[in-house]
Amino acid sequence: MFGNLGFPELLIIMIVILLLVRSLGMIPSMTYVSPFDNLGANLFQFLLPALAVGYRSSALIMRITRSTMLEVLREDYIRTAWAKGLAERAVVIRHALKNSMLPVITLVGTEFAFLIGGLVVTETVFTLNGVGRFVVDAVAHRDYPVVQGCVLLVAVAFVLVNLFVDVLYGWLDPRIRYE
């Protein structure tokens, strides 16, 4: 729909809400619905923000995956695999995709870490309770210990995601060894 990754997230959110209103004639719920009260309404409440936020991340991940796959498919060992007569599926999945995943895993880890602390706008527009909105409310009420705790939580999440990505590197690529 929109080919530009620089498309503002707030504008995507507003377009999603307007399309929902125009096409279905309904406004998304602006109050939190517990999954114990109404599971369908709860899932629908989180579906729209997930689509709005996932749009940018998925576009970026697809672009990086495509560019690294094209780069790997030009390598000599891929031509050798084709020359040996391996099936297309084996060449693409076993050889090319496996070797092109390291930059993609780095990007996914970074995007996931940013999602933990960077959903302030989405949580505010859709009136969802989350870490971002909690920090905004704490700043508005000058509750500094809460702000410090949330910043520490996001920092620890960044460190753990980066640790997981580094361990995954060593597992996926046997050439990488940590000593």
N, C-alpha and C. Protein backbone atom coordinates (compact mmCIF):
# COMPACT_ATOMS: atom_id res chain seq x y z
N MET A 1 0.81 -1.19 0.00
CA MET A 1 0.00 0.00 0.00
C MET A 1 0.86 1.26 0.00
N PHE A 2 1.76 1.36 0.96
CA PHE A 2 2.68 2.49 1.02
C PHE A 2 4.09 1.92 0.90
N GLY A 3 4.85 2.34 -0.11
CA GLY A 3 6.15 1.76 -0.35
C GLY A 3 7.26 2.42 0.43
N ASN A 4 6.99 3.49 1.14
CA ASN A 4 8.02 4.25 1.81
C ASN A 4 8.12 3.82 3.26
N LEU A 5 9.33 3.46 3.70
CA LEU A 5 9.53 3.08 5.10
C LEU A 5 9.52 4.29 6.02
N GLY A 6 9.67 5.48 5.45
CA GLY A 6 9.67 6.68 6.26
C GLY A 6 8.27 7.19 6.55
N PHE A 7 7.26 6.44 6.19
CA PHE A 7 5.87 6.83 6.42
C PHE A 7 5.64 6.89 7.93
N PRO A 8 5.19 8.01 8.47
CA PRO A 8 5.07 8.15 9.93
C PRO A 8 4.09 7.15 10.53
N GLU A 9 4.48 6.60 11.66
CA GLU A 9 3.65 5.59 12.33
C GLU A 9 2.31 6.17 12.75
N LEU A 10 2.31 7.43 13.20
CA LEU A 10 1.05 8.05 13.62
C LEU A 10 0.08 8.16 12.45
N LEU A 11 0.59 8.46 11.27
CA LEU A 11 -0.28 8.57 10.10
C LEU A 11 -0.84 7.20 9.72
N ILE A 12 -0.03 6.16 9.83
CA ILE A 12 -0.52 4.80 9.55
C ILE A 12 -1.63 4.44 10.53
N ILE A 13 -1.46 4.79 11.80
CA ILE A 13 -2.48 4.50 12.80
C ILE A 13 -3.78 5.22 12.47
N MET A 14 -3.67 6.48 12.09
CA MET A 14 -4.88 7.24 11.75
C MET A 14 -5.57 6.68 10.50
N ILE A 15 -4.78 6.24 9.52
CA ILE A 15 -5.37 5.65 8.31
C ILE A 15 -6.08 4.35 8.65
N VAL A 16 -5.48 3.53 9.52
CA VAL A 16 -6.11 2.27 9.92
C VAL A 16 -7.44 2.56 10.62
N ILE A 17 -7.46 3.53 11.50
CA ILE A 17 -8.71 3.87 12.20
C ILE A 17 -9.75 4.41 11.22
N LEU A 18 -9.34 5.29 10.31
CA LEU A 18 -10.28 5.84 9.33
C LEU A 18 -10.83 4.77 8.39
N LEU A 19 -9.96 3.84 7.96
CA LEU A 19 -10.44 2.75 7.10
C LEU A 19 -11.44 1.86 7.84
N LEU A 20 -11.18 1.64 9.11
CA LEU A 20 -12.09 0.84 9.91
C LEU A 20 -13.45 1.53 10.03
N VAL A 21 -13.43 2.83 10.26
CA VAL A 21 -14.67 3.58 10.39
C VAL A 21 -15.42 3.63 9.06
N ARG A 22 -14.68 3.89 7.96
CA ARG A 22 -15.33 4.02 6.65
C ARG A 22 -15.83 2.68 6.11
N SER A 23 -15.04 1.63 6.26
CA SER A 23 -15.42 0.36 5.64
C SER A 23 -16.41 -0.44 6.49
N LEU A 24 -16.21 -0.48 7.80
CA LEU A 24 -17.08 -1.28 8.65
C LEU A 24 -18.08 -0.44 9.44
N GLY A 25 -17.92 0.87 9.41
CA GLY A 25 -18.84 1.73 10.14
C GLY A 25 -18.74 1.61 11.64
N MET A 26 -17.56 1.25 12.13
CA MET A 26 -17.40 1.10 13.57
C MET A 26 -16.12 1.78 14.04
N ILE A 27 -16.13 2.21 15.26
CA ILE A 27 -14.98 2.86 15.87
C ILE A 27 -14.35 1.86 16.83
N PRO A 28 -13.01 1.71 16.80
CA PRO A 28 -12.39 0.77 17.73
C PRO A 28 -12.63 1.19 19.17
N SER A 29 -12.69 0.21 20.04
CA SER A 29 -12.95 0.45 21.46
C SER A 29 -11.82 1.28 22.05
N MET A 30 -12.18 2.30 22.80
CA MET A 30 -11.17 3.15 23.41
C MET A 30 -11.00 2.86 24.90
N THR A 31 -11.62 1.80 25.37
CA THR A 31 -11.42 1.37 26.75
C THR A 31 -10.89 -0.06 26.72
N TYR A 32 -10.07 -0.39 27.68
CA TYR A 32 -9.48 -1.72 27.73
C TYR A 32 -10.55 -2.76 28.03
N VAL A 33 -10.52 -3.84 27.25
CA VAL A 33 -11.43 -4.96 27.45
C VAL A 33 -10.60 -6.16 27.89
N SER A 34 -10.90 -6.71 29.03
CA SER A 34 -10.16 -7.85 29.56
C SER A 34 -10.45 -9.10 28.73
N PRO A 35 -9.45 -9.95 28.51
CA PRO A 35 -9.72 -11.19 27.78
C PRO A 35 -10.66 -12.13 28.53
N PHE A 36 -10.77 -11.96 29.84
CA PHE A 36 -11.68 -12.78 30.63
C PHE A 36 -13.13 -12.34 30.46
N ASP A 37 -13.31 -11.05 30.13
CA ASP A 37 -14.66 -10.54 29.89
C ASP A 37 -15.14 -10.86 28.47
N ASN A 38 -14.31 -10.53 27.48
CA ASN A 38 -14.67 -10.75 26.08
C ASN A 38 -13.39 -10.97 25.29
N LEU A 39 -13.07 -12.22 25.01
CA LEU A 39 -11.81 -12.56 24.34
C LEU A 39 -11.77 -11.99 22.92
N GLY A 40 -12.87 -12.07 22.20
CA GLY A 40 -12.91 -11.55 20.83
C GLY A 40 -12.66 -10.06 20.77
N ALA A 41 -13.28 -9.31 21.66
CA ALA A 41 -13.08 -7.86 21.70
C ALA A 41 -11.65 -7.52 22.10
N ASN A 42 -11.07 -8.30 23.02
CA ASN A 42 -9.69 -8.08 23.43
C ASN A 42 -8.73 -8.32 22.27
N LEU A 43 -8.91 -9.42 21.55
CA LEU A 43 -8.04 -9.70 20.40
C LEU A 43 -8.20 -8.65 19.31
N PHE A 44 -9.44 -8.22 19.05
CA PHE A 44 -9.67 -7.19 18.05
C PHE A 44 -9.06 -5.86 18.47
N GLN A 45 -9.07 -5.60 19.78
CA GLN A 45 -8.49 -4.36 20.30
C GLN A 45 -6.98 -4.31 20.06
N PHE A 46 -6.32 -5.46 20.11
CA PHE A 46 -4.88 -5.49 19.90
C PHE A 46 -4.49 -5.76 18.45
N LEU A 47 -5.45 -6.18 17.63
CA LEU A 47 -5.16 -6.47 16.23
C LEU A 47 -4.78 -5.21 15.46
N LEU A 48 -5.54 -4.16 15.61
CA LEU A 48 -5.27 -2.93 14.87
C LEU A 48 -3.92 -2.29 15.24
N PRO A 49 -3.59 -2.14 16.52
CA PRO A 49 -2.26 -1.61 16.83
C PRO A 49 -1.14 -2.52 16.32
N ALA A 50 -1.35 -3.82 16.37
CA ALA A 50 -0.32 -4.74 15.89
C ALA A 50 -0.11 -4.57 14.38
N LEU A 51 -1.19 -4.41 13.65
CA LEU A 51 -1.07 -4.17 12.20
C LEU A 51 -0.37 -2.85 11.91
N ALA A 52 -0.72 -1.81 12.64
CA ALA A 52 -0.13 -0.50 12.42
C ALA A 52 1.36 -0.49 12.74
N VAL A 53 1.74 -1.16 13.81
CA VAL A 53 3.16 -1.19 14.20
C VAL A 53 3.94 -2.18 13.34
N GLY A 54 3.33 -3.31 13.04
CA GLY A 54 4.03 -4.35 12.28
C GLY A 54 4.27 -4.00 10.83
N TYR A 55 3.53 -3.02 10.31
CA TYR A 55 3.68 -2.63 8.92
C TYR A 55 5.11 -2.18 8.63
N ARG A 56 5.61 -1.24 9.42
CA ARG A 56 6.94 -0.70 9.17
C ARG A 56 8.02 -1.76 9.39
N SER A 57 7.90 -2.51 10.48
CA SER A 57 8.91 -3.52 10.78
C SER A 57 8.94 -4.61 9.72
N SER A 58 7.77 -5.05 9.27
CA SER A 58 7.74 -6.11 8.26
C SER A 58 8.30 -5.62 6.93
N ALA A 59 8.03 -4.37 6.57
CA ALA A 59 8.59 -3.83 5.32
C ALA A 59 10.10 -3.78 5.38
N LEU A 60 10.63 -3.35 6.50
CA LEU A 60 12.09 -3.27 6.66
C LEU A 60 12.72 -4.66 6.65
N ILE A 61 12.11 -5.61 7.34
CA ILE A 61 12.66 -6.97 7.39
C ILE A 61 12.61 -7.62 6.01
N MET A 62 11.53 -7.40 5.28
CA MET A 62 11.43 -7.98 3.93
C MET A 62 12.47 -7.38 2.99
N ARG A 63 12.71 -6.08 3.09
CA ARG A 63 13.72 -5.45 2.23
C ARG A 63 15.12 -6.00 2.52
N ILE A 64 15.45 -6.11 3.79
CA ILE A 64 16.78 -6.63 4.15
C ILE A 64 16.91 -8.09 3.75
N THR A 65 15.86 -8.88 3.96
CA THR A 65 15.91 -10.29 3.57
C THR A 65 16.11 -10.43 2.08
N ARG A 66 15.37 -9.66 1.30
CA ARG A 66 15.50 -9.73 -0.16
C ARG A 66 16.89 -9.31 -0.61
N SER A 67 17.42 -8.23 -0.07
CA SER A 67 18.74 -7.77 -0.52
C SER A 67 19.85 -8.74 -0.12
N THR A 68 19.77 -9.32 1.08
CA THR A 68 20.81 -10.28 1.46
C THR A 68 20.68 -11.58 0.67
N MET A 69 19.44 -11.99 0.38
CA MET A 69 19.25 -13.20 -0.45
C MET A 69 19.81 -12.99 -1.86
N LEU A 70 19.55 -11.83 -2.44
CA LEU A 70 20.09 -11.56 -3.78
C LEU A 70 21.61 -11.54 -3.77
N GLU A 71 22.17 -11.02 -2.70
CA GLU A 71 23.63 -10.98 -2.58
C GLU A 71 24.21 -12.39 -2.45
N VAL A 72 23.58 -13.24 -1.63
CA VAL A 72 24.06 -14.59 -1.42
C VAL A 72 23.86 -15.45 -2.66
N LEU A 73 22.77 -15.23 -3.38
CA LEU A 73 22.51 -16.04 -4.58
C LEU A 73 23.53 -15.83 -5.69
N ARG A 74 24.34 -14.76 -5.58
CA ARG A 74 25.40 -14.51 -6.57
C ARG A 74 26.73 -15.17 -6.19
N GLU A 75 26.78 -15.82 -5.05
CA GLU A 75 28.03 -16.42 -4.58
C GLU A 75 28.39 -17.67 -5.37
N ASP A 76 29.67 -18.03 -5.32
CA ASP A 76 30.17 -19.18 -6.06
C ASP A 76 29.59 -20.50 -5.56
N TYR A 77 29.44 -20.66 -4.25
CA TYR A 77 28.95 -21.93 -3.74
C TYR A 77 27.49 -22.18 -4.14
N ILE A 78 26.74 -21.13 -4.39
CA ILE A 78 25.36 -21.30 -4.87
C ILE A 78 25.38 -21.79 -6.32
N ARG A 79 26.27 -21.22 -7.12
CA ARG A 79 26.41 -21.70 -8.50
C ARG A 79 26.89 -23.15 -8.53
N THR A 80 27.74 -23.50 -7.60
CA THR A 80 28.19 -24.89 -7.51
C THR A 80 27.04 -25.82 -7.15
N ALA A 81 26.19 -25.39 -6.22
CA ALA A 81 25.03 -26.20 -5.84
C ALA A 81 24.09 -26.38 -7.02
N TRP A 82 23.88 -25.31 -7.81
CA TRP A 82 23.03 -25.42 -9.01
C TRP A 82 23.68 -26.39 -10.00
N ALA A 83 25.01 -26.28 -10.16
CA ALA A 83 25.71 -27.12 -11.13
C ALA A 83 25.68 -28.59 -10.73
N LYS A 84 25.64 -28.87 -9.43
CA LYS A 84 25.54 -30.25 -8.96
C LYS A 84 24.17 -30.86 -9.24
N GLY A 85 23.20 -30.01 -9.56
CA GLY A 85 21.87 -30.50 -9.86
C GLY A 85 20.95 -30.58 -8.66
N LEU A 86 21.28 -29.85 -7.59
CA LEU A 86 20.40 -29.84 -6.43
C LEU A 86 19.06 -29.18 -6.77
N ALA A 87 18.05 -29.60 -6.09
CA ALA A 87 16.72 -29.03 -6.30
C ALA A 87 16.70 -27.56 -5.90
N GLU A 88 15.81 -26.81 -6.52
CA GLU A 88 15.74 -25.38 -6.24
C GLU A 88 15.44 -25.11 -4.76
N ARG A 89 14.56 -25.90 -4.20
CA ARG A 89 14.21 -25.73 -2.79
C ARG A 89 15.43 -25.94 -1.89
N ALA A 90 16.23 -26.93 -2.17
CA ALA A 90 17.42 -27.21 -1.36
C ALA A 90 18.43 -26.08 -1.48
N VAL A 91 18.63 -25.59 -2.68
CA VAL A 91 19.60 -24.52 -2.88
C VAL A 91 19.15 -23.25 -2.16
N VAL A 92 17.89 -22.90 -2.35
CA VAL A 92 17.41 -21.64 -1.79
C VAL A 92 17.31 -21.70 -0.27
N ILE A 93 16.73 -22.77 0.26
CA ILE A 93 16.50 -22.82 1.71
C ILE A 93 17.75 -23.24 2.48
N ARG A 94 18.35 -24.36 2.08
CA ARG A 94 19.49 -24.88 2.85
C ARG A 94 20.74 -24.03 2.71
N HIS A 95 20.99 -23.54 1.52
CA HIS A 95 22.26 -22.83 1.29
C HIS A 95 22.09 -21.31 1.35
N ALA A 96 21.21 -20.77 0.55
CA ALA A 96 21.12 -19.31 0.44
C ALA A 96 20.44 -18.68 1.66
N LEU A 97 19.27 -19.17 2.02
CA LEU A 97 18.53 -18.55 3.13
C LEU A 97 19.27 -18.68 4.44
N LYS A 98 19.87 -19.83 4.67
CA LYS A 98 20.60 -20.04 5.92
C LYS A 98 21.76 -19.05 6.05
N ASN A 99 22.45 -18.80 4.96
CA ASN A 99 23.60 -17.91 5.01
C ASN A 99 23.22 -16.43 4.95
N SER A 100 22.02 -16.14 4.55
CA SER A 100 21.62 -14.73 4.48
C SER A 100 20.86 -14.28 5.73
N MET A 101 20.68 -15.15 6.69
CA MET A 101 19.87 -14.82 7.86
C MET A 101 20.57 -13.99 8.92
N LEU A 102 21.89 -13.93 8.94
CA LEU A 102 22.57 -13.20 10.02
C LEU A 102 22.21 -11.72 10.05
N PRO A 103 22.25 -10.99 8.94
CA PRO A 103 21.83 -9.58 9.01
C PRO A 103 20.35 -9.43 9.36
N VAL A 104 19.54 -10.36 8.91
CA VAL A 104 18.10 -10.29 9.20
C VAL A 104 17.85 -10.51 10.68
N ILE A 105 18.57 -11.44 11.29
CA ILE A 105 18.42 -11.70 12.73
C ILE A 105 18.86 -10.48 13.54
N THR A 106 19.91 -9.82 13.11
CA THR A 106 20.33 -8.59 13.77
C THR A 106 19.23 -7.54 13.72
N LEU A 107 18.64 -7.38 12.55
CA LEU A 107 17.57 -6.39 12.39
C LEU A 107 16.34 -6.76 13.22
N VAL A 108 15.96 -8.02 13.22
CA VAL A 108 14.79 -8.45 14.00
C VAL A 108 15.03 -8.21 15.49
N GLY A 109 16.22 -8.52 15.96
CA GLY A 109 16.54 -8.27 17.37
C GLY A 109 16.49 -6.80 17.72
N THR A 110 17.02 -5.96 16.85
CA THR A 110 16.99 -4.52 17.08
C THR A 110 15.56 -3.99 17.05
N GLU A 111 14.78 -4.42 16.07
CA GLU A 111 13.38 -3.98 15.96
C GLU A 111 12.58 -4.43 17.18
N PHE A 112 12.80 -5.65 17.65
CA PHE A 112 12.09 -6.14 18.82
C PHE A 112 12.44 -5.33 20.06
N ALA A 113 13.71 -5.00 20.20
CA ALA A 113 14.13 -4.21 21.35
C ALA A 113 13.53 -2.81 21.30
N PHE A 114 13.44 -2.22 20.12
CA PHE A 114 12.82 -0.90 20.01
C PHE A 114 11.32 -0.96 20.25
N LEU A 115 10.70 -2.06 19.90
CA LEU A 115 9.26 -2.19 20.13
C LEU A 115 8.92 -2.20 21.61
N ILE A 116 9.81 -2.72 22.44
CA ILE A 116 9.53 -2.80 23.86
C ILE A 116 9.34 -1.41 24.47
N GLY A 117 10.18 -0.48 24.09
CA GLY A 117 10.10 0.85 24.68
C GLY A 117 9.56 1.92 23.76
N GLY A 118 9.36 1.62 22.50
CA GLY A 118 9.02 2.67 21.56
C GLY A 118 7.59 2.73 21.10
N LEU A 119 6.68 2.17 21.84
CA LEU A 119 5.28 2.16 21.41
C LEU A 119 4.44 3.22 22.11
N VAL A 120 5.05 4.32 22.46
CA VAL A 120 4.36 5.37 23.20
C VAL A 120 3.19 5.93 22.39
N VAL A 121 3.43 6.25 21.13
CA VAL A 121 2.39 6.84 20.28
C VAL A 121 1.24 5.86 20.07
N THR A 122 1.57 4.62 19.75
CA THR A 122 0.54 3.62 19.49
C THR A 122 -0.30 3.37 20.74
N GLU A 123 0.34 3.22 21.88
CA GLU A 123 -0.38 2.97 23.12
C GLU A 123 -1.26 4.16 23.50
N THR A 124 -0.80 5.36 23.21
CA THR A 124 -1.58 6.55 23.55
C THR A 124 -2.79 6.69 22.64
N VAL A 125 -2.61 6.50 21.33
CA VAL A 125 -3.72 6.66 20.39
C VAL A 125 -4.78 5.60 20.61
N PHE A 126 -4.38 4.36 20.81
CA PHE A 126 -5.34 3.27 20.99
C PHE A 126 -5.74 3.07 22.45
N THR A 127 -5.28 3.92 23.33
CA THR A 127 -5.54 3.86 24.78
C THR A 127 -5.29 2.46 25.35
N LEU A 128 -4.12 1.94 25.05
CA LEU A 128 -3.71 0.64 25.58
C LEU A 128 -2.77 0.85 26.75
N ASN A 129 -2.82 -0.05 27.69
CA ASN A 129 -1.90 0.02 28.81
C ASN A 129 -0.61 -0.70 28.42
N GLY A 130 0.50 -0.01 28.55
CA GLY A 130 1.80 -0.59 28.21
C GLY A 130 2.91 0.20 28.86
N VAL A 131 4.13 -0.22 28.61
CA VAL A 131 5.29 0.42 29.23
C VAL A 131 5.42 1.87 28.76
N GLY A 132 5.23 2.10 27.46
CA GLY A 132 5.37 3.46 26.93
C GLY A 132 4.39 4.43 27.54
N ARG A 133 3.15 4.04 27.60
CA ARG A 133 2.12 4.92 28.17
C ARG A 133 2.32 5.09 29.67
N PHE A 134 2.80 4.04 30.33
CA PHE A 134 3.09 4.11 31.76
C PHE A 134 4.19 5.13 32.03
N VAL A 135 5.22 5.16 31.17
CA VAL A 135 6.31 6.12 31.33
C VAL A 135 5.79 7.54 31.10
N VAL A 136 4.95 7.73 30.08
CA VAL A 136 4.40 9.05 29.80
C VAL A 136 3.58 9.55 30.99
N ASP A 137 2.75 8.68 31.55
CA ASP A 137 1.96 9.06 32.72
C ASP A 137 2.85 9.37 33.92
N ALA A 138 3.92 8.59 34.10
CA ALA A 138 4.84 8.83 35.21
C ALA A 138 5.57 10.15 35.04
N VAL A 139 5.95 10.48 33.82
CA VAL A 139 6.61 11.77 33.57
C VAL A 139 5.63 12.91 33.83
N ALA A 140 4.38 12.75 33.41
CA ALA A 140 3.38 13.79 33.62
C ALA A 140 3.12 14.02 35.10
N HIS A 141 3.22 12.97 35.90
CA HIS A 141 2.99 13.10 37.35
C HIS A 141 4.29 13.28 38.13
N ARG A 142 5.38 13.43 37.42
CA ARG A 142 6.72 13.61 38.02
C ARG A 142 7.07 12.51 39.02
N ASP A 143 6.77 11.30 38.61
CA ASP A 143 7.05 10.12 39.44
C ASP A 143 8.39 9.54 38.96
N TYR A 144 9.48 10.13 39.42
CA TYR A 144 10.80 9.79 38.91
C TYR A 144 11.25 8.37 39.19
N PRO A 145 10.95 7.77 40.34
CA PRO A 145 11.35 6.37 40.53
C PRO A 145 10.70 5.42 39.52
N VAL A 146 9.46 5.70 39.14
CA VAL A 146 8.80 4.86 38.13
C VAL A 146 9.48 5.04 36.78
N VAL A 147 9.81 6.28 36.42
CA VAL A 147 10.50 6.54 35.15
C VAL A 147 11.84 5.83 35.13
N GLN A 148 12.59 5.91 36.22
CA GLN A 148 13.88 5.23 36.30
C GLN A 148 13.73 3.72 36.19
N GLY A 149 12.72 3.18 36.86
CA GLY A 149 12.48 1.73 36.79
C GLY A 149 12.12 1.28 35.38
N CYS A 150 11.29 2.06 34.69
CA CYS A 150 10.90 1.69 33.32
C CYS A 150 12.07 1.81 32.36
N VAL A 151 12.89 2.84 32.53
CA VAL A 151 14.08 2.99 31.69
C VAL A 151 15.03 1.82 31.94
N LEU A 152 15.19 1.42 33.19
CA LEU A 152 16.02 0.27 33.52
C LEU A 152 15.46 -1.01 32.90
N LEU A 153 14.14 -1.18 32.94
CA LEU A 153 13.50 -2.34 32.34
C LEU A 153 13.75 -2.40 30.83
N VAL A 154 13.61 -1.28 30.16
CA VAL A 154 13.85 -1.24 28.71
C VAL A 154 15.34 -1.50 28.41
N ALA A 155 16.22 -0.95 29.22
CA ALA A 155 17.66 -1.18 29.02
C ALA A 155 18.02 -2.66 29.21
N VAL A 156 17.46 -3.30 30.22
CA VAL A 156 17.71 -4.72 30.45
C VAL A 156 17.15 -5.54 29.28
N ALA A 157 15.98 -5.15 28.78
CA ALA A 157 15.41 -5.85 27.63
C ALA A 157 16.32 -5.73 26.42
N PHE A 158 16.88 -4.54 26.18
CA PHE A 158 17.84 -4.36 25.07
C PHE A 158 19.03 -5.30 25.23
N VAL A 159 19.59 -5.35 26.43
CA VAL A 159 20.76 -6.20 26.67
C VAL A 159 20.42 -7.67 26.45
N LEU A 160 19.27 -8.12 26.97
CA LEU A 160 18.89 -9.52 26.82
C LEU A 160 18.60 -9.89 25.37
N VAL A 161 17.96 -9.01 24.63
CA VAL A 161 17.71 -9.28 23.21
C VAL A 161 19.02 -9.35 22.45
N ASN A 162 19.95 -8.44 22.73
CA ASN A 162 21.25 -8.48 22.05
C ASN A 162 22.04 -9.73 22.43
N LEU A 163 21.96 -10.16 23.68
CA LEU A 163 22.60 -11.41 24.09
C LEU A 163 22.01 -12.59 23.35
N PHE A 164 20.69 -12.64 23.24
CA PHE A 164 20.03 -13.72 22.52
C PHE A 164 20.44 -13.73 21.04
N VAL A 165 20.54 -12.56 20.43
CA VAL A 165 20.96 -12.47 19.03
C VAL A 165 22.40 -12.97 18.88
N ASP A 166 23.28 -12.61 19.80
CA ASP A 166 24.67 -13.08 19.72
C ASP A 166 24.77 -14.59 19.89
N VAL A 167 24.00 -15.16 20.80
CA VAL A 167 24.00 -16.62 20.99
C VAL A 167 23.44 -17.30 19.74
N LEU A 168 22.41 -16.72 19.17
CA LEU A 168 21.81 -17.27 17.94
C LEU A 168 22.80 -17.22 16.78
N TYR A 169 23.63 -16.18 16.72
CA TYR A 169 24.69 -16.10 15.71
C TYR A 169 25.61 -17.31 15.79
N GLY A 170 26.07 -17.59 17.01
CA GLY A 170 26.97 -18.73 17.20
C GLY A 170 26.34 -20.05 16.85
N TRP A 171 25.05 -20.18 17.05
CA TRP A 171 24.34 -21.42 16.74
C TRP A 171 24.11 -21.56 15.24
N LEU A 172 23.80 -20.47 14.56
CA LEU A 172 23.51 -20.54 13.12
C LEU A 172 24.75 -20.60 12.25
N ASP A 173 25.80 -19.93 12.67
CA ASP A 173 27.02 -19.89 11.85
C ASP A 173 28.16 -20.53 12.63
N PRO A 174 28.57 -21.73 12.22
CA PRO A 174 29.63 -22.43 12.98
C PRO A 174 30.98 -21.73 12.90
N ARG A 175 31.14 -20.81 11.97
CA ARG A 175 32.42 -20.07 11.89
C ARG A 175 32.58 -19.09 13.03
N ILE A 176 31.49 -18.70 13.66
CA ILE A 176 31.53 -17.74 14.76
C ILE A 176 31.66 -18.52 16.07
N ARG A 177 32.74 -18.30 16.76
CA ARG A 177 32.96 -18.95 18.06
C ARG A 177 33.35 -17.89 19.06
N TYR A 178 32.74 -17.97 20.24
CA TYR A 178 33.06 -17.05 21.33
C TYR A 178 33.98 -17.75 22.29
N GLU A 179 35.05 -17.11 22.61
CA GLU A 179 36.03 -17.73 23.53
C GLU A 179 36.15 -16.94 24.79
